[in-house]
C-alpha atoms as a PDB file:
ATOM      1  CA  MET A   1     450.202  89.368 161.069  1.00  0.00           C
ATOM      2  CA  LEU A   2     449.065  91.941 158.527  1.00  0.00           C
ATOM      3  CA  THR A   3     446.252  90.915 156.226  1.00  0.00           C
ATOM      4  CA  THR A   4     445.731  92.139 152.698  1.00  0.00           C
ATOM      5  CA  LEU A   5     442.278  93.226 151.581  1.00  0.00           C
ATOM      6  CA  PRO A   6     440.810  91.350 148.607  1.00  0.00           C
ATOM      7  CA  VAL A   7     441.177  93.124 145.267  1.00  0.00           C
ATOM      8  CA  GLU A   8     437.465  93.964 145.081  1.00  0.00           C
ATOM      9  CA  ASP A   9     437.511  95.509 148.558  1.00  0.00           C
ATOM     10  CA  ARG A  10     440.567  97.596 147.661  1.00  0.00           C
ATOM     11  CA  ARG A  11     438.794  98.835 144.551  1.00  0.00           C
ATOM     12  CA  LYS A  12     435.711  99.796 146.535  1.00  0.00           C
ATOM     13  CA  ALA A  13     437.821 101.603 149.119  1.00  0.00           C
ATOM     14  CA  LEU A  14     439.690 103.505 146.401  1.00  0.00           C
ATOM     15  CA  LYS A  15     436.454 104.425 144.654  1.00  0.00           C
ATOM     16  CA  SER A  16     434.961 105.697 147.906  1.00  0.00           C
ATOM     17  CA  ARG A  17     438.098 107.713 148.671  1.00  0.00           C
ATOM     18  CA  HIS A  18     438.085 109.309 145.220  1.00  0.00           C
ATOM     19  CA  ARG A  19     434.447 110.302 145.572  1.00  0.00           C
ATOM     20  CA  GLN A  20     435.093 111.867 148.967  1.00  0.00           C
ATOM     21  CA  GLU A  21     438.095 113.747 147.591  1.00  0.00           C
ATOM     22  CA  ILE A  22     436.064 115.108 144.665  1.00  0.00           C
ATOM     23  CA  VAL A  23     433.280 116.315 146.953  1.00  0.00           C
ATOM     24  CA  ALA A  24     435.775 117.828 149.409  1.00  0.00           C
ATOM     25  CA  ALA A  25     437.557 119.610 146.562  1.00  0.00           C
ATOM     26  CA  ALA A  26     434.253 120.995 145.257  1.00  0.00           C
ATOM     27  CA  ALA A  27     433.322 122.209 148.742  1.00  0.00           C
ATOM     28  CA  ALA A  28     436.709 123.939 149.074  1.00  0.00           C
ATOM     29  CA  LEU A  29     436.340 125.659 145.706  1.00  0.00           C
ATOM     30  CA  MET A  30     432.804 126.793 146.544  1.00  0.00           C
ATOM     31  CA  ASP A  31     433.939 128.144 149.892  1.00  0.00           C
ATOM     32  CA  GLU A  32     436.920 130.015 148.410  1.00  0.00           C
ATOM     33  CA  ARG A  33     434.996 131.560 145.531  1.00  0.00           C
ATOM     34  CA  GLN A  34     431.603 131.855 147.199  1.00  0.00           C
ATOM     35  CA  ALA A  35     430.304 130.524 143.886  1.00  0.00           C
ATOM     36  CA  THR A  36     430.032 127.327 141.853  1.00  0.00           C
ATOM     37  CA  ASP A  37     431.774 128.510 138.696  1.00  0.00           C
ATOM     38  CA  PHE A  38     434.640 126.022 138.808  1.00  0.00           C
ATOM     39  CA  THR A  39     435.423 123.764 135.829  1.00  0.00           C
ATOM     40  CA  VAL A  40     435.946 120.029 135.730  1.00  0.00           C
ATOM     41  CA  ASP A  41     439.660 120.562 135.105  1.00  0.00           C
ATOM     42  CA  GLU A  42     439.955 122.799 138.173  1.00  0.00           C
ATOM     43  CA  LEU A  43     438.025 120.285 140.257  1.00  0.00           C
ATOM     44  CA  ALA A  44     440.124 117.341 139.072  1.00  0.00           C
ATOM     45  CA  GLN A  45     443.322 119.226 139.796  1.00  0.00           C
ATOM     46  CA  ARG A  46     442.179 120.205 143.299  1.00  0.00           C
ATOM     47  CA  ALA A  47     441.070 116.633 144.064  1.00  0.00           C
ATOM     48  CA  ASP A  48     444.265 115.216 142.529  1.00  0.00           C
ATOM     49  CA  VAL A  49     442.299 112.881 140.271  1.00  0.00           C
ATOM     50  CA  SER A  50     441.838 112.633 136.518  1.00  0.00           C
ATOM     51  CA  ARG A  51     438.932 114.080 134.545  1.00  0.00           C
ATOM     52  CA  ARG A  52     437.900 110.510 133.799  1.00  0.00           C
ATOM     53  CA  THR A  53     437.645 109.765 137.515  1.00  0.00           C
ATOM     54  CA  VAL A  54     435.325 112.741 137.975  1.00  0.00           C
ATOM     55  CA  PHE A  55     433.189 111.446 135.080  1.00  0.00           C
ATOM     56  CA  ASN A  56     433.088 108.006 136.672  1.00  0.00           C
ATOM     57  CA  HIS A  57     431.480 109.377 139.812  1.00  0.00           C
ATOM     58  CA  PHE A  58     429.277 112.265 138.686  1.00  0.00           C
ATOM     59  CA  GLY A  59     427.256 113.101 135.600  1.00  0.00           C
ATOM     60  CA  SER A  60     427.257 116.871 136.016  1.00  0.00           C
ATOM     61  CA  ILE A  61     428.614 119.734 138.050  1.00  0.00           C
ATOM     62  CA  ASN A  62     425.134 120.059 139.526  1.00  0.00           C
ATOM     63  CA  ASP A  63     425.364 116.502 140.869  1.00  0.00           C
ATOM     64  CA  ILE A  64     428.595 117.385 142.648  1.00  0.00           C
ATOM     65  CA  VAL A  65     427.217 120.657 144.005  1.00  0.00           C
ATOM     66  CA  SER A  66     424.089 118.836 145.164  1.00  0.00           C
ATOM     67  CA  GLU A  67     426.175 116.388 147.184  1.00  0.00           C
ATOM     68  CA  VAL A  68     428.120 119.267 148.732  1.00  0.00           C
ATOM     69  CA  CYS A  69     424.820 120.953 149.648  1.00  0.00           C
ATOM     70  CA  SER A  70     423.553 117.719 151.149  1.00  0.00           C
ATOM     71  CA  ASP A  71     426.715 117.423 153.236  1.00  0.00           C
ATOM     72  CA  VAL A  72     426.264 121.004 154.425  1.00  0.00           C
ATOM     73  CA  LEU A  73     422.763 120.155 155.676  1.00  0.00           C
ATOM     74  CA  SER A  74     423.859 116.853 157.216  1.00  0.00           C
ATOM     75  CA  SER A  75     423.863 118.371 160.703  1.00  0.00           C
ATOM     76  CA  ALA A  76     420.226 117.311 160.931  1.00  0.00           C
ATOM     77  CA  VAL A  77     421.225 113.697 160.380  1.00  0.00           C
ATOM     78  CA  ALA A  78     424.187 113.935 162.736  1.00  0.00           C
ATOM     79  CA  SER A  79     421.998 115.413 165.463  1.00  0.00           C
ATOM     80  CA  LEU A  80     419.830 112.272 165.437  1.00  0.00           C
ATOM     81  CA  THR A  81     422.631 110.392 167.153  1.00  0.00           C
ATOM     82  CA  ALA A  82     422.120 112.599 170.206  1.00  0.00           C
ATOM     83  CA  VAL A  83     418.357 111.910 170.343  1.00  0.00           C
ATOM     84  CA  PRO A  84     417.424 108.845 172.438  1.00  0.00           C
ATOM     85  CA  ALA A  85     415.575 106.190 170.443  1.00  0.00           C
ATOM     86  CA  SER A  86     411.886 105.984 171.357  1.00  0.00           C
ATOM     87  CA  ASP A  87     409.328 103.206 171.119  1.00  0.00           C
ATOM     88  CA  VAL A  88     408.304 101.830 167.749  1.00  0.00           C
ATOM     89  CA  GLY A  89     405.703 103.662 165.695  1.00  0.00           C
ATOM     90  CA  SER A  90     405.242 106.775 163.597  1.00  0.00           C
ATOM     91  CA  PRO A  91     404.748 109.104 166.604  1.00  0.00           C
ATOM     92  CA  ALA A  92     408.062 107.977 168.069  1.00  0.00           C
ATOM     93  CA  VAL A  93     409.885 108.415 164.769  1.00  0.00           C
ATOM     94  CA  LEU A  94     408.295 111.837 164.343  1.00  0.00           C
ATOM     95  CA  ASP A  95     409.343 112.849 167.863  1.00  0.00           C
ATOM     96  CA  GLU A  96     412.946 111.833 167.195  1.00  0.00           C
ATOM     97  CA  ILE A  97     413.150 113.686 163.877  1.00  0.00           C
ATOM     98  CA  ALA A  98     411.402 116.730 165.328  1.00  0.00           C
ATOM     99  CA  GLU A  99     413.948 116.882 168.154  1.00  0.00           C
ATOM    100  CA  ALA A 100     416.782 116.476 165.647  1.00  0.00           C
ATOM    101  CA  PHE A 101     415.469 119.292 163.451  1.00  0.00           C
ATOM    102  CA  ARG A 102     415.019 121.598 166.449  1.00  0.00           C
ATOM    103  CA  SER A 103     418.504 120.902 167.789  1.00  0.00           C
ATOM    104  CA  ALA A 104     420.296 121.037 164.430  1.00  0.00           C
ATOM    105  CA  ASP A 105     421.605 124.420 163.315  1.00  0.00           C
ATOM    106  CA  LEU A 106     420.136 124.571 159.815  1.00  0.00           C
ATOM    107  CA  VAL A 107     420.129 128.368 159.520  1.00  0.00           C
ATOM    108  CA  ALA A 108     423.911 128.714 159.239  1.00  0.00           C
ATOM    109  CA  PRO A 109     424.294 126.127 156.446  1.00  0.00           C
ATOM    110  CA  MET A 110     421.246 127.453 154.597  1.00  0.00           C
ATOM    111  CA  ALA A 111     422.643 130.985 154.723  1.00  0.00           C
ATOM    112  CA  TYR A 112     425.963 129.613 153.456  1.00  0.00           C
ATOM    113  CA  LEU A 113     424.247 127.870 150.546  1.00  0.00           C
ATOM    114  CA  ASN A 114     422.505 131.112 149.659  1.00  0.00           C
ATOM    115  CA  ARG A 115     425.858 132.908 149.510  1.00  0.00           C
ATOM    116  CA  VAL A 116     427.646 130.361 147.334  1.00  0.00           C
ATOM    117  CA  LEU A 117     424.718 129.443 145.096  1.00  0.00           C
ATOM    118  CA  GLY A 118     423.044 132.809 144.731  1.00  0.00           C
ATOM    119  CA  ASP A 119     419.362 133.291 143.990  1.00  0.00           C
ATOM    120  CA  GLY A 120     417.500 130.791 141.860  1.00  0.00           C
ATOM    121  CA  GLY A 121     416.212 133.356 139.408  1.00  0.00           C
ATOM    122  CA  PRO A 122     415.148 136.967 138.855  1.00  0.00           C
ATOM    123  CA  ALA A 123     412.562 136.701 141.623  1.00  0.00           C
ATOM    124  CA  VAL A 124     413.509 136.326 145.268  1.00  0.00           C
ATOM    125  CA  THR A 125     413.463 132.559 145.472  1.00  0.00           C
ATOM    126  CA  ALA A 126     415.474 129.683 146.845  1.00  0.00           C
ATOM    127  CA  HIS A 127     418.072 128.172 144.550  1.00  0.00           C
ATOM    128  CA  PRO A 128     416.899 124.835 143.073  1.00  0.00           C
ATOM    129  CA  MET A 129     420.193 123.192 143.995  1.00  0.00           C
ATOM    130  CA  ALA A 130     419.605 124.039 147.643  1.00  0.00           C
ATOM    131  CA  LEU A 131     416.110 122.601 147.405  1.00  0.00           C
ATOM    132  CA  ARG A 132     417.489 119.476 145.765  1.00  0.00           C
ATOM    133  CA  ALA A 133     419.691 118.968 148.804  1.00  0.00           C
ATOM    134  CA  PHE A 134     416.594 118.315 150.903  1.00  0.00           C
ATOM    135  CA  THR A 135     415.876 115.242 148.768  1.00  0.00           C
ATOM    136  CA  GLU A 136     419.349 113.949 149.615  1.00  0.00           C
ATOM    137  CA  LEU A 137     418.665 114.764 153.252  1.00  0.00           C
ATOM    138  CA  SER A 138     415.478 112.679 153.092  1.00  0.00           C
ATOM    139  CA  GLU A 139     417.389 109.622 151.894  1.00  0.00           C
ATOM    140  CA  ARG A 140     419.977 109.976 154.656  1.00  0.00           C
ATOM    141  CA  LEU A 141     417.371 110.481 157.374  1.00  0.00           C
ATOM    142  CA  SER A 142     415.346 107.494 156.200  1.00  0.00           C
ATOM    143  CA  ALA A 143     418.419 105.276 156.357  1.00  0.00           C
ATOM    144  CA  VAL A 144     419.264 106.468 159.874  1.00  0.00           C
ATOM    145  CA  MET A 145     415.703 106.026 161.154  1.00  0.00           C
ATOM    146  CA  LEU A 146     415.424 102.516 159.700  1.00  0.00           C
ATOM    147  CA  SER A 147     418.718 101.581 161.341  1.00  0.00           C
ATOM    148  CA  ARG A 148     417.404 102.921 164.670  1.00  0.00           C
ATOM    149  CA  HIS A 149     414.038 101.181 164.195  1.00  0.00           C
ATOM    150  CA  PRO A 150     414.676  98.036 162.110  1.00  0.00           C
ATOM    151  CA  GLU A 151     411.296  96.643 163.144  1.00  0.00           C
ATOM    152  CA  ALA A 152     409.405  99.679 161.820  1.00  0.00           C
ATOM    153  CA  ASP A 153     407.432  99.557 158.582  1.00  0.00           C
ATOM    154  CA  LYS A 154     409.801 100.742 155.861  1.00  0.00           C
ATOM    155  CA  LEU A 155     407.124 102.456 153.777  1.00  0.00           C
ATOM    156  CA  SER A 156     405.744 104.319 156.794  1.00  0.00           C
ATOM    157  CA  VAL A 157     409.196 105.610 157.703  1.00  0.00           C
ATOM    158  CA  HIS A 158     409.884 106.742 154.136  1.00  0.00           C
ATOM    159  CA  LEU A 159     406.499 108.493 153.917  1.00  0.00           C
ATOM    160  CA  LEU A 160     406.989 110.305 157.210  1.00  0.00           C
ATOM    161  CA  VAL A 161     410.565 111.349 156.537  1.00  0.00           C
ATOM    162  CA  GLY A 162     409.633 112.351 152.989  1.00  0.00           C
ATOM    163  CA  ALA A 163     406.796 114.544 154.231  1.00  0.00           C
ATOM    164  CA  LEU A 164     409.069 116.265 156.743  1.00  0.00           C
ATOM    165  CA  THR A 165     412.001 116.865 154.428  1.00  0.00           C
ATOM    166  CA  SER A 166     409.765 118.001 151.570  1.00  0.00           C
ATOM    167  CA  GLY A 167     408.247 120.390 154.072  1.00  0.00           C
ATOM    168  CA  LEU A 168     411.728 121.626 154.940  1.00  0.00           C
ATOM    169  CA  GLY A 169     412.240 122.481 151.282  1.00  0.00           C
ATOM    170  CA  VAL A 170     409.033 124.504 151.304  1.00  0.00           C
ATOM    171  CA  LEU A 171     410.072 126.190 154.557  1.00  0.00           C
ATOM    172  CA  TYR A 172     413.455 127.066 153.089  1.00  0.00           C
ATOM    173  CA  HIS A 173     411.756 128.758 150.152  1.00  0.00           C
ATOM    174  CA  HIS A 174     409.405 130.822 152.350  1.00  0.00           C
ATOM    175  CA  TRP A 175     412.162 131.574 154.856  1.00  0.00           C
ATOM    176  CA  HIS A 176     414.358 132.739 151.970  1.00  0.00           C
ATOM    177  CA  CYS A 177     411.568 135.022 150.742  1.00  0.00           C
ATOM    178  CA  ALA A 178     410.906 136.427 154.213  1.00  0.00           C
ATOM    179  CA  THR A 179     414.490 136.929 155.398  1.00  0.00           C
ATOM    180  CA  GLY A 180     416.767 136.908 152.349  1.00  0.00           C
ATOM    181  CA  ALA A 181     418.348 133.726 153.739  1.00  0.00           C
ATOM    182  CA  VAL A 182     420.746 135.590 156.005  1.00  0.00           C
ATOM    183  CA  ASP A 183     421.886 134.397 159.409  1.00  0.00           C
ATOM    184  CA  THR A 184     420.560 136.903 161.935  1.00  0.00           C
ATOM    185  CA  PRO A 185     418.706 136.581 165.253  1.00  0.00           C
ATOM    186  CA  GLN A 186     415.519 137.671 163.497  1.00  0.00           C
ATOM    187  CA  SER A 187     415.907 135.137 160.686  1.00  0.00           C
ATOM    188  CA  ARG A 188     416.569 132.404 163.242  1.00  0.00           C
ATOM    189  CA  ARG A 189     413.354 133.278 165.090  1.00  0.00           C
ATOM    190  CA  SER A 190     411.504 133.206 161.786  1.00  0.00           C
ATOM    191  CA  TRP A 191     412.932 129.774 160.960  1.00  0.00           C
ATOM    192  CA  ALA A 192     412.014 128.425 164.404  1.00  0.00           C
ATOM    193  CA  ARG A 193     408.403 129.587 164.006  1.00  0.00           C
ATOM    194  CA  MET A 194     408.116 128.046 160.549  1.00  0.00           C
ATOM    195  CA  LEU A 195     409.683 124.791 161.716  1.00  0.00           C
ATOM    196  CA  ASP A 196     407.220 124.532 164.606  1.00  0.00           C
ATOM    197  CA  GLN A 197     404.379 125.067 162.141  1.00  0.00           C
ATOM    198  CA  LEU A 198     405.702 122.316 159.865  1.00  0.00           C
ATOM    199  CA  LEU A 199     406.077 119.830 162.715  1.00  0.00           C
ATOM    200  CA  GLU A 200     402.618 120.612 164.057  1.00  0.00           C
ATOM    201  CA  THR A 201     401.088 120.293 160.589  1.00  0.00           C
ATOM    202  CA  VAL A 202     402.676 116.893 160.011  1.00  0.00           C
ATOM    203  CA  ARG A 203     401.666 115.746 163.484  1.00  0.00           C
ATOM    204  CA  THR A 204     398.011 116.849 163.410  1.00  0.00           C
ATOM    205  CA  GLY A 205     397.235 117.321 159.744  1.00  0.00           C
ATOM    206  CA  HIS A 206     396.596 120.463 157.736  1.00  0.00           C
ATOM    207  CA  ALA A 207     393.957 122.873 159.014  1.00  0.00           C
ATOM    208  CA  ALA A 208     392.954 126.258 157.700  1.00  0.00           C
ATOM    209  CA  GLY A 209     394.824 129.040 159.428  1.00  0.00           C
ATOM    210  CA  PRO A 210     395.332 132.774 159.092  1.00  0.00           C
ATOM    211  CA  ALA A 211     396.496 133.817 155.668  1.00  0.00           C
ATOM    212  CA  GLY A 212     400.140 134.793 155.488  1.00  0.00           C
ATOM    213  CA  GLN A 213     402.022 136.946 153.051  1.00  0.00           C
ATOM    214  CA  ALA A 214     402.415 135.196 149.727  1.00  0.00           C
ATOM    215  CA  CYS A 215     405.890 134.464 148.511  1.00  0.00           C
ATOM    216  CA  PRO A 216     406.826 136.022 145.175  1.00  0.00           C
ATOM    217  CA  SER A 217     407.137 132.695 143.405  1.00  0.00           C
ATOM    218  CA  SER A 218     406.444 129.038 143.985  1.00  0.00           C
ATOM    219  CA  PRO A 219     409.218 126.818 145.310  1.00  0.00           C
ATOM    220  CA  VAL A 220     411.066 124.658 142.822  1.00  0.00           C
ATOM    221  CA  SER A 221     410.580 120.960 143.414  1.00  0.00           C
ATOM    222  CA  PRO A 222     413.791 119.449 144.817  1.00  0.00           C
ATOM    223  CA  ASN A 223     413.229 116.515 142.473  1.00  0.00           C
ATOM    224  CA  HIS A 224     413.263 118.780 139.434  1.00  0.00           C
ATOM    225  CA  PRO A 225     416.243 121.118 139.667  1.00  0.00           C
ATOM    226  CA  SER A 226     416.947 123.542 136.913  1.00  0.00           C
ATOM    227  CA  LYS A 227     419.150 122.394 134.077  1.00  0.00           C
ATOM    228  CA  GLY A 228     422.743 122.659 135.143  1.00  0.00           C
ATOM    229  CA  GLN A 229     426.210 122.467 133.743  1.00  0.00           C
ATOM    230  CA  THR A 230     427.201 119.067 132.428  1.00  0.00           C
ATOM    231  CA  LEU A 231     430.653 117.636 132.751  1.00  0.00           C
ATOM    232  CA  ASN A 232     431.962 118.994 129.485  1.00  0.00           C
ATOM    233  CA  GLY A 233     434.620 121.173 131.022  1.00  0.00           C
END
């Protein structure tokens, strides 16, 4: 016999579906235009929802774009499912995340974000919205790791994942400066070298090394993106 979901559950399911449709519509518009210059009306029409529904889920266009960017980078989270769970403890969690980062193809999505978002300013620098996506990635990774290791210390997991994903944001900035954020064999080798350096630094701690070429500008904190378009049309 068919059962009917309670009213509250139906509302939650509808709300979740609307949010997914809005994000999917934004991703489609970004992909078609290779830009983020769509309006709320265009987004609502593509998602087949009202302007009010868009307002109910997001406070700004930047919030929507940030979620799209986070979804683009979600391959790192998805790749964790293929990594066998290790013993409890920070080294085990670090090993799992390190394997996930090495196996995930982050270069292709990062190059895509560079195309659709453009540069973050006059200098050669990573776009703040792309950097903000690494904060979203941190939250997703933390949730996955805590589900894999429910007995682990929650604060320790958040600190470790936060250090790694913040480091990814820094890597993205320097990789962008060094390669122009394009997807080429050379840029992939550059990313792999930088990623190994990040993982080794987190594992053993920072130590003085040979000076590298300075990037033209400092990375923008993913927690402080530049002021973006609000949902005013």
